Amino acid sequence: MNYLENVFQKIYTLIESVKSIKNQIYNTCTKSQSGINGKKIQYLAQRVDGKKIPIDRKL
């Protein structure tokens, strides 16, 4: 039983580190700026012409 607990603990720590890396990538790819109504608008990218593409835009 101790072996299985060890394996599950390693799997759990691996999943947690993957989640942490995903959050770091997400946070570096998005920039938040103040919107018109005090809301935070997160942008996914900035186009060549200078327009920013919001994350929640409708396709």
PDB file of N, CA and C in Angstrom:
ATOM      1  N   MET A   1       0.827  -1.197   0.000  1.00  0.00           N
ATOM      2  CA  MET A   1       0.000   0.000   0.000  1.00  0.00           C
ATOM      3  C   MET A   1       0.868   1.257   0.000  1.00  0.00           C
ATOM      4  N   ASN A   2       2.001   1.186   0.650  1.00  0.00           N
ATOM      5  CA  ASN A   2       2.889   2.333   0.711  1.00  0.00           C
ATOM      6  C   ASN A   2       3.399   2.701  -0.679  1.00  0.00           C
ATOM      7  N   TYR A   3       3.650   1.708  -1.509  1.00  0.00           N
ATOM      8  CA  TYR A   3       4.130   1.955  -2.872  1.00  0.00           C
ATOM      9  C   TYR A   3       3.085   2.715  -3.686  1.00  0.00           C
ATOM     10  N   LEU A   4       1.818   2.305  -3.577  1.00  0.00           N
ATOM     11  CA  LEU A   4       0.746   2.988  -4.303  1.00  0.00           C
ATOM     12  C   LEU A   4       0.576   4.432  -3.832  1.00  0.00           C
ATOM     13  N   GLU A   5       0.676   4.647  -2.531  1.00  0.00           N
ATOM     14  CA  GLU A   5       0.576   6.010  -2.018  1.00  0.00           C
ATOM     15  C   GLU A   5       1.695   6.876  -2.565  1.00  0.00           C
ATOM     16  N   ASN A   6       2.884   6.319  -2.666  1.00  0.00           N
ATOM     17  CA  ASN A   6       4.030   7.046  -3.196  1.00  0.00           C
ATOM     18  C   ASN A   6       3.806   7.402  -4.664  1.00  0.00           C
ATOM     19  N   VAL A   7       3.287   6.456  -5.436  1.00  0.00           N
ATOM     20  CA  VAL A   7       3.020   6.696  -6.856  1.00  0.00           C
ATOM     21  C   VAL A   7       1.956   7.778  -7.020  1.00  0.00           C
ATOM     22  N   PHE A   8       0.877   7.695  -6.254  1.00  0.00           N
ATOM     23  CA  PHE A   8      -0.182   8.693  -6.351  1.00  0.00           C
ATOM     24  C   PHE A   8       0.312  10.076  -5.922  1.00  0.00           C
ATOM     25  N   GLN A   9       1.178  10.118  -4.915  1.00  0.00           N
ATOM     26  CA  GLN A   9       1.728  11.404  -4.476  1.00  0.00           C
ATOM     27  C   GLN A   9       2.578  12.024  -5.580  1.00  0.00           C
ATOM     28  N   LYS A  10       3.363  11.213  -6.281  1.00  0.00           N
ATOM     29  CA  LYS A  10       4.186  11.726  -7.383  1.00  0.00           C
ATOM     30  C   LYS A  10       3.313  12.204  -8.539  1.00  0.00           C
ATOM     31  N   ILE A  11       2.244  11.473  -8.834  1.00  0.00           N
ATOM     32  CA  ILE A  11       1.324  11.885  -9.899  1.00  0.00           C
ATOM     33  C   ILE A  11       0.654  13.203  -9.521  1.00  0.00           C
ATOM     34  N   TYR A  12       0.252  13.342  -8.276  1.00  0.00           N
ATOM     35  CA  TYR A  12      -0.395  14.571  -7.819  1.00  0.00           C
ATOM     36  C   TYR A  12       0.546  15.768  -7.931  1.00  0.00           C
ATOM     37  N   THR A  13       1.797  15.600  -7.510  1.00  0.00           N
ATOM     38  CA  THR A  13       2.744  16.713  -7.603  1.00  0.00           C
ATOM     39  C   THR A  13       3.037  17.062  -9.057  1.00  0.00           C
ATOM     40  N   LEU A  14       3.044  16.069  -9.930  1.00  0.00           N
ATOM     41  CA  LEU A  14       3.250  16.334 -11.355  1.00  0.00           C
ATOM     42  C   LEU A  14       2.085  17.146 -11.923  1.00  0.00           C
ATOM     43  N   ILE A  15       0.859  16.771 -11.568  1.00  0.00           N
ATOM     44  CA  ILE A  15      -0.318  17.505 -12.039  1.00  0.00           C
ATOM     45  C   ILE A  15      -0.295  18.937 -11.508  1.00  0.00           C
ATOM     46  N   GLU A  16       0.069  19.115 -10.253  1.00  0.00           N
ATOM     47  CA  GLU A  16       0.130  20.458  -9.675  1.00  0.00           C
ATOM     48  C   GLU A  16       1.181  21.314 -10.370  1.00  0.00           C
ATOM     49  N   SER A  17       2.320  20.731 -10.721  1.00  0.00           N
ATOM     50  CA  SER A  17       3.347  21.519 -11.403  1.00  0.00           C
ATOM     51  C   SER A  17       2.908  21.884 -12.817  1.00  0.00           C
ATOM     52  N   VAL A  18       2.181  20.989 -13.491  1.00  0.00           N
ATOM     53  CA  VAL A  18       1.666  21.302 -14.825  1.00  0.00           C
ATOM     54  C   VAL A  18       0.648  22.439 -14.732  1.00  0.00           C
ATOM     55  N   LYS A  19      -0.217  22.408 -13.716  1.00  0.00           N
ATOM     56  CA  LYS A  19      -1.183  23.488 -13.535  1.00  0.00           C
ATOM     57  C   LYS A  19      -0.476  24.811 -13.264  1.00  0.00           C
ATOM     58  N   SER A  20       0.583  24.765 -12.487  1.00  0.00           N
ATOM     59  CA  SER A  20       1.332  25.979 -12.181  1.00  0.00           C
ATOM     60  C   SER A  20       1.982  26.558 -13.431  1.00  0.00           C
ATOM     61  N   ILE A  21       2.562  25.694 -14.257  1.00  0.00           N
ATOM     62  CA  ILE A  21       3.187  26.144 -15.503  1.00  0.00           C
ATOM     63  C   ILE A  21       2.137  26.729 -16.435  1.00  0.00           C
ATOM     64  N   LYS A  22       0.974  26.087 -16.517  1.00  0.00           N
ATOM     65  CA  LYS A  22      -0.105  26.598 -17.369  1.00  0.00           C
ATOM     66  C   LYS A  22      -0.540  27.987 -16.918  1.00  0.00           C
ATOM     67  N   ASN A  23      -0.672  28.179 -15.620  1.00  0.00           N
ATOM     68  CA  ASN A  23      -1.074  29.485 -15.101  1.00  0.00           C
ATOM     69  C   ASN A  23      -0.017  30.545 -15.383  1.00  0.00           C
ATOM     70  N   GLN A  24       1.264  30.180 -15.277  1.00  0.00           N
ATOM     71  CA  GLN A  24       2.329  31.135 -15.574  1.00  0.00           C
ATOM     72  C   GLN A  24       2.303  31.533 -17.038  1.00  0.00           C
ATOM     73  N   ILE A  25       2.104  30.568 -17.924  1.00  0.00           N
ATOM     74  CA  ILE A  25       2.040  30.868 -19.358  1.00  0.00           C
ATOM     75  C   ILE A  25       0.841  31.758 -19.646  1.00  0.00           C
ATOM     76  N   TYR A  26      -0.301  31.449 -19.059  1.00  0.00           N
ATOM     77  CA  TYR A  26      -1.508  32.255 -19.267  1.00  0.00           C
ATOM     78  C   TYR A  26      -1.296  33.690 -18.793  1.00  0.00           C
ATOM     79  N   ASN A  27      -0.667  33.832 -17.628  1.00  0.00           N
ATOM     80  CA  ASN A  27      -0.467  35.174 -17.079  1.00  0.00           C
ATOM     81  C   ASN A  27       0.526  35.983 -17.893  1.00  0.00           C
ATOM     82  N   THR A  28       1.511  35.348 -18.495  1.00  0.00           N
ATOM     83  CA  THR A  28       2.457  36.100 -19.304  1.00  0.00           C
ATOM     84  C   THR A  28       1.883  36.422 -20.674  1.00  0.00           C
ATOM     85  N   CYS A  29       0.939  35.637 -21.155  1.00  0.00           N
ATOM     86  CA  CYS A  29       0.359  35.881 -22.479  1.00  0.00           C
ATOM     87  C   CYS A  29      -0.770  36.899 -22.439  1.00  0.00           C
ATOM     88  N   THR A  30      -1.325  37.155 -21.290  1.00  0.00           N
ATOM     89  CA  THR A  30      -2.443  38.098 -21.196  1.00  0.00           C
ATOM     90  C   THR A  30      -2.008  39.307 -20.390  1.00  0.00           C
ATOM     91  N   LYS A  31      -2.450  40.449 -20.815  1.00  0.00           N
ATOM     92  CA  LYS A  31      -2.179  41.686 -20.087  1.00  0.00           C
ATOM     93  C   LYS A  31      -3.520  42.278 -19.690  1.00  0.00           C
ATOM     94  N   SER A  32      -3.624  42.709 -18.456  1.00  0.00           N
ATOM     95  CA  SER A  32      -4.884  43.311 -18.020  1.00  0.00           C
ATOM     96  C   SER A  32      -4.721  44.825 -17.971  1.00  0.00           C
ATOM     97  N   GLN A  33      -5.721  45.509 -18.469  1.00  0.00           N
ATOM     98  CA  GLN A  33      -5.747  46.969 -18.432  1.00  0.00           C
ATOM     99  C   GLN A  33      -7.127  47.398 -17.965  1.00  0.00           C
ATOM    100  N   SER A  34      -7.210  48.604 -17.484  1.00  0.00           N
ATOM    101  CA  SER A  34      -8.495  49.107 -16.994  1.00  0.00           C
ATOM    102  C   SER A  34      -9.424  49.378 -18.158  1.00  0.00           C
ATOM    103  N   GLY A  35     -10.637  48.901 -18.041  1.00  0.00           N
ATOM    104  CA  GLY A  35     -11.642  49.139 -19.065  1.00  0.00           C
ATOM    105  C   GLY A  35     -12.389  50.435 -18.799  1.00  0.00           C
ATOM    106  N   ILE A  36     -13.434  50.669 -19.554  1.00  0.00           N
ATOM    107  CA  ILE A  36     -14.195  51.919 -19.458  1.00  0.00           C
ATOM    108  C   ILE A  36     -14.921  52.010 -18.115  1.00  0.00           C
ATOM    109  N   ASN A  37     -15.548  50.943 -17.691  1.00  0.00           N
ATOM    110  CA  ASN A  37     -16.356  50.955 -16.470  1.00  0.00           C
ATOM    111  C   ASN A  37     -15.573  50.468 -15.260  1.00  0.00           C
ATOM    112  N   GLY A  38     -14.269  50.590 -15.285  1.00  0.00           N
ATOM    113  CA  GLY A  38     -13.456  50.118 -14.182  1.00  0.00           C
ATOM    114  C   GLY A  38     -13.227  48.627 -14.219  1.00  0.00           C
ATOM    115  N   LYS A  39     -13.736  47.969 -15.247  1.00  0.00           N
ATOM    116  CA  LYS A  39     -13.522  46.532 -15.378  1.00  0.00           C
ATOM    117  C   LYS A  39     -12.135  46.282 -15.945  1.00  0.00           C
ATOM    118  N   LYS A  40     -11.592  45.146 -15.638  1.00  0.00           N
ATOM    119  CA  LYS A  40     -10.306  44.762 -16.199  1.00  0.00           C
ATOM    120  C   LYS A  40     -10.548  44.044 -17.514  1.00  0.00           C
ATOM    121  N   ILE A  41      -9.872  44.510 -18.558  1.00  0.00           N
ATOM    122  CA  ILE A  41      -9.967  43.861 -19.862  1.00  0.00           C
ATOM    123  C   ILE A  41      -8.644  43.160 -20.119  1.00  0.00           C
ATOM    124  N   GLN A  42      -8.701  41.880 -20.384  1.00  0.00           N
ATOM    125  CA  GLN A  42      -7.487  41.131 -20.663  1.00  0.00           C
ATOM    126  C   GLN A  42      -7.336  40.975 -22.162  1.00  0.00           C
ATOM    127  N   TYR A  43      -6.132  41.224 -22.627  1.00  0.00           N
ATOM    128  CA  TYR A  43      -5.848  41.151 -24.046  1.00  0.00           C
ATOM    129  C   TYR A  43      -4.979  39.944 -24.340  1.00  0.00           C
ATOM    130  N   LEU A  44      -5.322  39.256 -25.436  1.00  0.00           N
ATOM    131  CA  LEU A  44      -4.584  38.062 -25.829  1.00  0.00           C
ATOM    132  C   LEU A  44      -3.348  38.427 -26.625  1.00  0.00           C
ATOM    133  N   ALA A  45      -3.470  39.406 -27.518  1.00  0.00           N
ATOM    134  CA  ALA A  45      -2.349  39.762 -28.381  1.00  0.00           C
ATOM    135  C   ALA A  45      -2.530  41.182 -28.880  1.00  0.00           C
ATOM    136  N   GLN A  46      -1.478  41.699 -29.473  1.00  0.00           N
ATOM    137  CA  GLN A  46      -1.546  43.006 -30.104  1.00  0.00           C
ATOM    138  C   GLN A  46      -1.193  42.836 -31.575  1.00  0.00           C
ATOM    139  N   ARG A  47      -2.066  43.349 -32.431  1.00  0.00           N
ATOM    140  CA  ARG A  47      -1.859  43.198 -33.864  1.00  0.00           C
ATOM    141  C   ARG A  47      -0.778  44.157 -34.346  1.00  0.00           C
ATOM    142  N   VAL A  48      -0.381  43.976 -35.595  1.00  0.00           N
ATOM    143  CA  VAL A  48       0.669  44.803 -36.174  1.00  0.00           C
ATOM    144  C   VAL A  48       0.234  46.267 -36.248  1.00  0.00           C
ATOM    145  N   ASP A  49      -1.045  46.497 -36.520  1.00  0.00           N
ATOM    146  CA  ASP A  49      -1.524  47.875 -36.636  1.00  0.00           C
ATOM    147  C   ASP A  49      -1.771  48.540 -35.278  1.00  0.00           C
ATOM    148  N   GLY A  50      -1.481  47.852 -34.198  1.00  0.00           N
ATOM    149  CA  GLY A  50      -1.582  48.439 -32.869  1.00  0.00           C
ATOM    150  C   GLY A  50      -2.849  48.099 -32.122  1.00  0.00           C
ATOM    151  N   LYS A  51      -3.846  47.519 -32.789  1.00  0.00           N
ATOM    152  CA  LYS A  51      -5.079  47.131 -32.101  1.00  0.00           C
ATOM    153  C   LYS A  51      -4.815  45.910 -31.231  1.00  0.00           C
ATOM    154  N   LYS A  52      -5.448  45.906 -30.083  1.00  0.00           N
ATOM    155  CA  LYS A  52      -5.313  44.772 -29.174  1.00  0.00           C
ATOM    156  C   LYS A  52      -6.518  43.868 -29.323  1.00  0.00           C
ATOM    157  N   ILE A  53      -6.293  42.569 -29.215  1.00  0.00           N
ATOM    158  CA  ILE A  53      -7.350  41.574 -29.364  1.00  0.00           C
ATOM    159  C   ILE A  53      -7.759  41.105 -27.970  1.00  0.00           C
ATOM    160  N   PRO A  54      -8.985  41.419 -27.527  1.00  0.00           N
ATOM    161  CA  PRO A  54      -9.416  40.956 -26.209  1.00  0.00           C
ATOM    162  C   PRO A  54      -9.654  39.448 -26.186  1.00  0.00           C
ATOM    163  N   ILE A  55      -9.521  38.873 -25.000  1.00  0.00           N
ATOM    164  CA  ILE A  55      -9.696  37.425 -24.853  1.00  0.00           C
ATOM    165  C   ILE A  55     -11.132  37.019 -25.134  1.00  0.00           C
ATOM    166  N   ASP A  56     -12.091  37.811 -24.655  1.00  0.00           N
ATOM    167  CA  ASP A  56     -13.493  37.399 -24.743  1.00  0.00           C
ATOM    168  C   ASP A  56     -14.167  37.864 -26.028  1.00  0.00           C
ATOM    169  N   ARG A  57     -13.437  38.110 -27.073  1.00  0.00           N
ATOM    170  CA  ARG A  57     -14.060  38.563 -28.320  1.00  0.00           C
ATOM    171  C   ARG A  57     -14.842  37.434 -28.957  1.00  0.00           C
ATOM    172  N   LYS A  58     -15.872  37.792 -29.669  1.00  0.00           N
ATOM    173  CA  LYS A  58     -16.696  36.798 -30.340  1.00  0.00           C
ATOM    174  C   LYS A  58     -16.132  36.553 -31.723  1.00  0.00           C
ATOM    175  N   LEU A  59     -16.040  35.298 -32.091  1.00  0.00           N
ATOM    176  CA  LEU A  59     -15.506  34.959 -33.411  1.00  0.00           C
ATOM    177  C   LEU A  59     -16.611  34.912 -34.436  1.00  0.00           C
TER     178      LEU A  59
END
